[in-house]
Amino acid sequence: MSQALMTLKLLLPFQIFADKTGVSRIVAETREGSFGLLPHRLDCVAALAPGILTYQTESDGEVFVAVDEGVLVKTGTDVLISVRRAIYGTDLGKLRDTVEKEFLTLDEHERSARTVTAKLAAGFLRRFVAFHNE
């Protein structure tokens, strides 16, 4: 009896980062911790945290990818992962540093944009509550 293998598609906002067949296992990280996927695991959806994604194929062996936050969807033997950013690497130490430096820290522009958005939302809510109470 032959073992079913998975198909992995790793998507970035504007391109396909990886499209692999013959994937025997995947390990991903969520806010609750890491978990593994095997071909016969039940279908699932998971919100991914910035971290190291690992997958294994017979041709490539074990592959490490630093990924930013995103979503993983497993249906049957198809696994679709959509993340904001991804970087291949062979040195786990360097990849972990990349995750900490680039993915876990927001740049100044992104921080200011989030601050402005939060202020706009708070102002809208204050006006809405005041209007509702009139």
C-alpha atoms as a PDB file:
ATOM      1  CA  MET A   1       0.000   0.000   0.000  1.00  0.00           C
ATOM      2  CA  SER A   2       1.556   3.317  -1.045  1.00  0.00           C
ATOM      3  CA  GLN A   3       1.509   6.249   1.325  1.00  0.00           C
ATOM      4  CA  ALA A   4      -0.428   9.307   0.171  1.00  0.00           C
ATOM      5  CA  LEU A   5       1.680  12.454   0.144  1.00  0.00           C
ATOM      6  CA  MET A   6       0.637  16.080   0.429  1.00  0.00           C
ATOM      7  CA  THR A   7       0.818  18.975  -1.988  1.00  0.00           C
ATOM      8  CA  LEU A   8       2.037  22.230  -0.421  1.00  0.00           C
ATOM      9  CA  LYS A   9       1.431  25.647  -1.928  1.00  0.00           C
ATOM     10  CA  LEU A  10       3.030  28.580  -0.062  1.00  0.00           C
ATOM     11  CA  LEU A  11       1.580  31.918  -1.192  1.00  0.00           C
ATOM     12  CA  LEU A  12       2.797  35.476  -0.692  1.00  0.00           C
ATOM     13  CA  PRO A  13       0.584  38.496  -1.443  1.00  0.00           C
ATOM     14  CA  PHE A  14       1.863  38.840  -5.017  1.00  0.00           C
ATOM     15  CA  GLN A  15       3.434  35.507  -5.942  1.00  0.00           C
ATOM     16  CA  ILE A  16       3.635  31.783  -5.332  1.00  0.00           C
ATOM     17  CA  PHE A  17       6.657  31.263  -3.076  1.00  0.00           C
ATOM     18  CA  ALA A  18       6.664  27.442  -3.224  1.00  0.00           C
ATOM     19  CA  ASP A  19       4.597  24.777  -4.964  1.00  0.00           C
ATOM     20  CA  LYS A  20       5.739  21.347  -3.769  1.00  0.00           C
ATOM     21  CA  THR A  21       4.392  17.864  -4.351  1.00  0.00           C
ATOM     22  CA  GLY A  22       5.338  14.722  -2.461  1.00  0.00           C
ATOM     23  CA  VAL A  23       5.388  16.412   0.944  1.00  0.00           C
ATOM     24  CA  SER A  24       5.437  13.816   3.713  1.00  0.00           C
ATOM     25  CA  ARG A  25       5.151  16.159   6.725  1.00  0.00           C
ATOM     26  CA  ILE A  26       4.733  19.820   7.651  1.00  0.00           C
ATOM     27  CA  VAL A  27       5.404  21.554  10.969  1.00  0.00           C
ATOM     28  CA  ALA A  28       3.986  25.065  11.496  1.00  0.00           C
ATOM     29  CA  GLU A  29       3.747  27.519  14.390  1.00  0.00           C
ATOM     30  CA  THR A  30       0.631  29.149  15.833  1.00  0.00           C
ATOM     31  CA  ARG A  31       0.228  31.428  18.858  1.00  0.00           C
ATOM     32  CA  GLU A  32      -0.594  28.293  20.892  1.00  0.00           C
ATOM     33  CA  GLY A  33       2.551  26.434  19.791  1.00  0.00           C
ATOM     34  CA  SER A  34       3.764  24.328  16.895  1.00  0.00           C
ATOM     35  CA  PHE A  35       1.873  21.424  15.352  1.00  0.00           C
ATOM     36  CA  GLY A  36       2.531  18.848  12.686  1.00  0.00           C
ATOM     37  CA  LEU A  37       0.581  17.769   9.630  1.00  0.00           C
ATOM     38  CA  LEU A  38       0.723  14.327   8.082  1.00  0.00           C
ATOM     39  CA  PRO A  39      -1.122  13.310   4.900  1.00  0.00           C
ATOM     40  CA  HIS A  40      -3.977  11.528   6.698  1.00  0.00           C
ATOM     41  CA  ARG A  41      -4.628  14.210   9.317  1.00  0.00           C
ATOM     42  CA  LEU A  42      -8.143  15.639   9.344  1.00  0.00           C
ATOM     43  CA  ASP A  43      -8.801  18.835   7.444  1.00  0.00           C
ATOM     44  CA  CYS A  44      -8.058  21.983   9.424  1.00  0.00           C
ATOM     45  CA  VAL A  45      -7.510  25.732   9.375  1.00  0.00           C
ATOM     46  CA  ALA A  46      -4.910  27.494  11.538  1.00  0.00           C
ATOM     47  CA  ALA A  47      -3.782  31.088  12.053  1.00  0.00           C
ATOM     48  CA  LEU A  48       0.008  31.051  11.791  1.00  0.00           C
ATOM     49  CA  ALA A  49       2.338  33.116  13.938  1.00  0.00           C
ATOM     50  CA  PRO A  50       5.706  34.387  12.710  1.00  0.00           C
ATOM     51  CA  GLY A  51       8.145  31.482  12.994  1.00  0.00           C
ATOM     52  CA  ILE A  52       9.821  28.596  11.223  1.00  0.00           C
ATOM     53  CA  LEU A  53       7.805  26.403   8.853  1.00  0.00           C
ATOM     54  CA  THR A  54       9.324  22.992   8.166  1.00  0.00           C
ATOM     55  CA  TYR A  55       8.348  20.585   5.421  1.00  0.00           C
ATOM     56  CA  GLN A  56       9.889  17.391   4.124  1.00  0.00           C
ATOM     57  CA  THR A  57       9.987  15.818   0.669  1.00  0.00           C
ATOM     58  CA  GLU A  58      11.950  12.861  -0.587  1.00  0.00           C
ATOM     59  CA  SER A  59      13.746  14.987  -3.207  1.00  0.00           C
ATOM     60  CA  ASP A  60      14.533  18.061  -1.042  1.00  0.00           C
ATOM     61  CA  GLY A  61      14.776  16.480   2.395  1.00  0.00           C
ATOM     62  CA  GLU A  62      13.894  18.751   5.319  1.00  0.00           C
ATOM     63  CA  VAL A  63      13.347  22.374   4.272  1.00  0.00           C
ATOM     64  CA  PHE A  64      13.095  25.384   6.614  1.00  0.00           C
ATOM     65  CA  VAL A  65      11.228  28.577   5.773  1.00  0.00           C
ATOM     66  CA  ALA A  66      10.929  31.663   7.973  1.00  0.00           C
ATOM     67  CA  VAL A  67       7.336  32.872   7.606  1.00  0.00           C
ATOM     68  CA  ASP A  68       5.444  35.906   8.806  1.00  0.00           C
ATOM     69  CA  GLU A  69       1.900  35.642  10.127  1.00  0.00           C
ATOM     70  CA  GLY A  70      -0.666  34.025   7.888  1.00  0.00           C
ATOM     71  CA  VAL A  71      -3.196  31.241   7.442  1.00  0.00           C
ATOM     72  CA  LEU A  72      -2.862  27.488   6.823  1.00  0.00           C
ATOM     73  CA  VAL A  73      -5.692  25.486   5.245  1.00  0.00           C
ATOM     74  CA  LYS A  74      -5.533  21.688   4.858  1.00  0.00           C
ATOM     75  CA  THR A  75      -8.145  19.949   2.719  1.00  0.00           C
ATOM     76  CA  GLY A  76      -7.476  16.324   1.909  1.00  0.00           C
ATOM     77  CA  THR A  77      -3.858  16.085   0.846  1.00  0.00           C
ATOM     78  CA  ASP A  78      -3.712  19.742  -0.278  1.00  0.00           C
ATOM     79  CA  VAL A  79      -2.141  22.269   2.085  1.00  0.00           C
ATOM     80  CA  LEU A  80      -2.416  25.956   1.227  1.00  0.00           C
ATOM     81  CA  ILE A  81      -0.424  28.447   3.293  1.00  0.00           C
ATOM     82  CA  SER A  82      -0.765  32.178   2.762  1.00  0.00           C
ATOM     83  CA  VAL A  83       1.710  34.461   4.562  1.00  0.00           C
ATOM     84  CA  ARG A  84       2.844  38.067   4.284  1.00  0.00           C
ATOM     85  CA  ARG A  85       6.563  37.258   3.899  1.00  0.00           C
ATOM     86  CA  ALA A  86       8.746  34.148   3.615  1.00  0.00           C
ATOM     87  CA  ILE A  87      12.488  33.414   3.410  1.00  0.00           C
ATOM     88  CA  TYR A  88      14.203  30.072   2.677  1.00  0.00           C
ATOM     89  CA  GLY A  89      17.181  29.088   4.776  1.00  0.00           C
ATOM     90  CA  THR A  90      19.329  26.173   5.860  1.00  0.00           C
ATOM     91  CA  ASP A  91      20.734  27.633   9.087  1.00  0.00           C
ATOM     92  CA  LEU A  92      18.018  27.564  11.759  1.00  0.00           C
ATOM     93  CA  GLY A  93      19.858  30.119  13.911  1.00  0.00           C
ATOM     94  CA  LYS A  94      19.955  32.676  11.090  1.00  0.00           C
ATOM     95  CA  LEU A  95      16.323  31.998  10.220  1.00  0.00           C
ATOM     96  CA  ARG A  96      15.263  32.482  13.851  1.00  0.00           C
ATOM     97  CA  ASP A  97      17.171  35.792  13.901  1.00  0.00           C
ATOM     98  CA  THR A  98      15.372  36.804  10.705  1.00  0.00           C
ATOM     99  CA  VAL A  99      11.996  36.043  12.277  1.00  0.00           C
ATOM    100  CA  GLU A 100      12.867  38.084  15.375  1.00  0.00           C
ATOM    101  CA  LYS A 101      14.362  41.052  13.508  1.00  0.00           C
ATOM    102  CA  GLU A 102      12.106  41.329  10.460  1.00  0.00           C
ATOM    103  CA  PHE A 103       8.812  39.647  11.241  1.00  0.00           C
ATOM    104  CA  LEU A 104       8.229  40.281  14.952  1.00  0.00           C
ATOM    105  CA  THR A 105       9.203  43.943  14.981  1.00  0.00           C
ATOM    106  CA  LEU A 106       7.005  46.390  13.152  1.00  0.00           C
ATOM    107  CA  ASP A 107       8.767  49.091  11.225  1.00  0.00           C
ATOM    108  CA  GLU A 108       8.054  52.702  12.163  1.00  0.00           C
ATOM    109  CA  HIS A 109       5.774  53.295   9.175  1.00  0.00           C
ATOM    110  CA  GLU A 110       3.572  50.329  10.042  1.00  0.00           C
ATOM    111  CA  ARG A 111       3.383  51.409  13.699  1.00  0.00           C
ATOM    112  CA  SER A 112       2.289  54.927  12.787  1.00  0.00           C
ATOM    113  CA  ALA A 113      -0.298  53.592  10.322  1.00  0.00           C
ATOM    114  CA  ARG A 114      -1.743  51.315  13.009  1.00  0.00           C
ATOM    115  CA  THR A 115      -1.802  54.204  15.501  1.00  0.00           C
ATOM    116  CA  VAL A 116      -3.685  56.444  13.066  1.00  0.00           C
ATOM    117  CA  THR A 117      -6.153  53.641  12.280  1.00  0.00           C
ATOM    118  CA  ALA A 118      -6.762  53.012  15.980  1.00  0.00           C
ATOM    119  CA  LYS A 119      -7.360  56.732  16.602  1.00  0.00           C
ATOM    120  CA  LEU A 120      -9.820  56.919  13.698  1.00  0.00           C
ATOM    121  CA  ALA A 121     -11.703  53.858  14.960  1.00  0.00           C
ATOM    122  CA  ALA A 122     -11.827  55.228  18.519  1.00  0.00           C
ATOM    123  CA  GLY A 123     -13.113  58.589  17.272  1.00  0.00           C
ATOM    124  CA  PHE A 124     -15.780  56.907  15.184  1.00  0.00           C
ATOM    125  CA  LEU A 125     -16.923  54.815  18.151  1.00  0.00           C
ATOM    126  CA  ARG A 126     -17.100  57.882  20.442  1.00  0.00           C
ATOM    127  CA  ARG A 127     -19.217  59.771  17.898  1.00  0.00           C
ATOM    128  CA  PHE A 128     -21.423  56.749  17.288  1.00  0.00           C
ATOM    129  CA  VAL A 129     -22.077  56.277  21.022  1.00  0.00           C
ATOM    130  CA  ALA A 130     -22.784  60.006  21.452  1.00  0.00           C
ATOM    131  CA  PHE A 131     -25.168  59.947  18.476  1.00  0.00           C
ATOM    132  CA  HIS A 132     -26.889  56.817  19.793  1.00  0.00           C
ATOM    133  CA  ASN A 133     -27.365  58.390  23.262  1.00  0.00           C
ATOM    134  CA  GLU A 134     -29.008  61.557  21.865  1.00  0.00           C
END
